[in-house]
Amino acid sequence: MTLAELLVRLGSFGLDLTWRIEFDEIVDPRCVELKRRSADTGMDTLTLLSLTTPFLQLIDAEAQGFAGDELVLVLTEFDSSSWDVRAVDERVLSELRHHYPGAEDL
């Protein structure tokens, strides 16, 4: 599962968020742009989605979604395929569980 796929699954909840992304390694030229746009005020969801096409690889990345100044969503990626999702709104987690029945609560 890619970051782009997760962003799409967030639906309207994720649309108005501002994002900052951190990652350990730059393994794709788009990582430089993600890092640049994450600085200062972050980037909107559509910009982030445009930079995270299906073939973007991130290593040990964390995407933080903010509503105003409040951190409301954290997507942490491990080994290019496993994700830890933390959200202030339980409906987001329920929606992801619905689409990914193999998801586990930690």
Protein backbone atom coordinates (compact mmCIF):
# COMPACT_ATOMS: atom_id res chain seq x y z
CA MET A 1 0.00 0.00 0.00
CA THR A 2 1.35 3.41 -0.96
CA LEU A 3 1.05 6.80 0.68
CA ALA A 4 -1.00 7.94 -2.32
CA GLU A 5 -3.48 5.11 -1.73
CA LEU A 6 -3.82 6.00 1.95
CA LEU A 7 -4.37 9.66 1.11
CA VAL A 8 -7.18 8.74 -1.27
CA ARG A 9 -8.78 6.46 1.33
CA LEU A 10 -8.88 9.33 3.82
CA GLY A 11 -11.53 10.97 1.65
CA SER A 12 -12.93 14.28 2.81
CA PHE A 13 -11.25 13.99 6.23
CA GLY A 14 -7.81 14.37 4.68
CA LEU A 15 -8.70 16.90 2.01
CA ASP A 16 -8.32 20.06 4.09
CA LEU A 17 -5.24 19.00 6.05
CA THR A 18 -1.80 20.54 5.82
CA TRP A 19 1.01 17.99 5.64
CA ARG A 20 4.59 17.75 6.76
CA ILE A 21 6.66 14.70 5.85
CA GLU A 22 9.87 13.42 7.38
CA PHE A 23 11.91 10.47 6.11
CA ASP A 24 15.31 8.95 6.78
CA GLU A 25 16.65 8.54 3.26
CA ILE A 26 16.26 10.32 -0.05
CA VAL A 27 15.72 7.45 -2.47
CA ASP A 28 13.77 9.29 -5.15
CA PRO A 29 14.24 12.79 -6.62
CA ARG A 30 10.70 13.69 -5.50
CA CYS A 31 11.85 13.32 -1.88
CA VAL A 32 13.79 16.57 -2.26
CA GLU A 33 10.59 18.37 -3.27
CA LEU A 34 8.62 16.72 -0.46
CA LYS A 35 11.24 17.87 2.02
CA ARG A 36 11.24 21.41 0.63
CA ARG A 37 7.45 21.69 0.71
CA SER A 38 7.25 20.19 4.21
CA ALA A 39 9.39 23.00 5.58
CA ASP A 40 7.70 25.96 7.22
CA THR A 41 3.93 25.75 6.72
CA GLY A 42 3.72 22.38 4.96
CA MET A 43 1.67 21.48 1.88
CA ASP A 44 -1.96 20.84 1.11
CA THR A 45 -3.31 17.35 0.44
CA LEU A 46 -3.61 17.74 -3.32
CA THR A 47 0.03 18.85 -3.59
CA LEU A 48 1.13 15.92 -1.47
CA LEU A 49 -0.96 13.54 -3.55
CA SER A 50 0.57 14.90 -6.76
CA LEU A 51 4.05 14.17 -5.40
CA THR A 52 3.25 10.64 -4.17
CA THR A 53 2.51 8.75 -7.33
CA PRO A 54 2.26 4.97 -6.94
CA PHE A 55 5.94 4.36 -7.64
CA LEU A 56 7.34 6.74 -5.00
CA GLN A 57 9.39 4.83 -2.45
CA LEU A 58 9.83 6.25 1.02
CA ILE A 59 11.94 4.68 3.74
CA ASP A 60 10.87 5.10 7.36
CA ALA A 61 8.65 8.06 6.55
CA GLU A 62 6.17 9.91 8.71
CA ALA A 63 3.43 12.12 7.27
CA GLN A 64 1.79 14.44 9.77
CA GLY A 65 -1.59 15.94 8.92
CA PHE A 66 -2.62 19.19 10.61
CA ALA A 67 -6.00 20.91 10.86
CA GLY A 68 -4.88 24.44 11.56
CA ASP A 69 -2.25 24.08 14.28
CA GLU A 70 -3.63 20.79 15.62
CA LEU A 71 -1.98 17.49 14.68
CA VAL A 72 -4.90 15.21 13.77
CA LEU A 73 -3.37 12.39 11.74
CA VAL A 74 -0.02 10.61 11.61
CA LEU A 75 0.86 8.06 8.92
CA THR A 76 4.10 6.23 9.67
CA GLU A 77 5.56 3.98 6.97
CA PHE A 78 7.83 1.03 7.59
CA ASP A 79 9.65 -0.94 4.85
CA SER A 80 7.69 0.56 1.94
CA SER A 81 4.51 -1.38 2.64
CA SER A 82 3.44 -1.37 6.30
CA TRP A 83 1.73 1.63 7.86
CA ASP A 84 0.89 2.75 11.37
CA VAL A 85 -2.06 5.16 11.36
CA ARG A 86 -2.94 7.36 14.31
CA ALA A 87 -5.94 9.66 14.09
CA VAL A 88 -7.94 11.82 16.47
CA ASP A 89 -11.15 10.81 14.68
CA GLU A 90 -12.10 7.14 15.14
CA ARG A 91 -14.16 7.31 11.93
CA VAL A 92 -10.94 7.57 9.93
CA LEU A 93 -9.61 4.38 11.48
CA SER A 94 -12.96 2.62 10.97
CA GLU A 95 -12.95 3.58 7.29
CA LEU A 96 -9.42 2.25 6.83
CA ARG A 97 -10.33 -1.00 8.62
CA HIS A 98 -13.28 -1.36 6.24
CA HIS A 99 -11.07 -1.01 3.16
CA TYR A 100 -8.21 -3.07 4.59
CA PRO A 101 -9.73 -6.01 6.48
CA GLY A 102 -6.27 -7.38 7.29
CA ALA A 103 -5.39 -4.27 9.27
CA GLU A 104 -4.54 -4.86 12.92
CA ASP A 105 -5.09 -2.66 15.94
CA LEU A 106 -1.90 -2.16 17.88
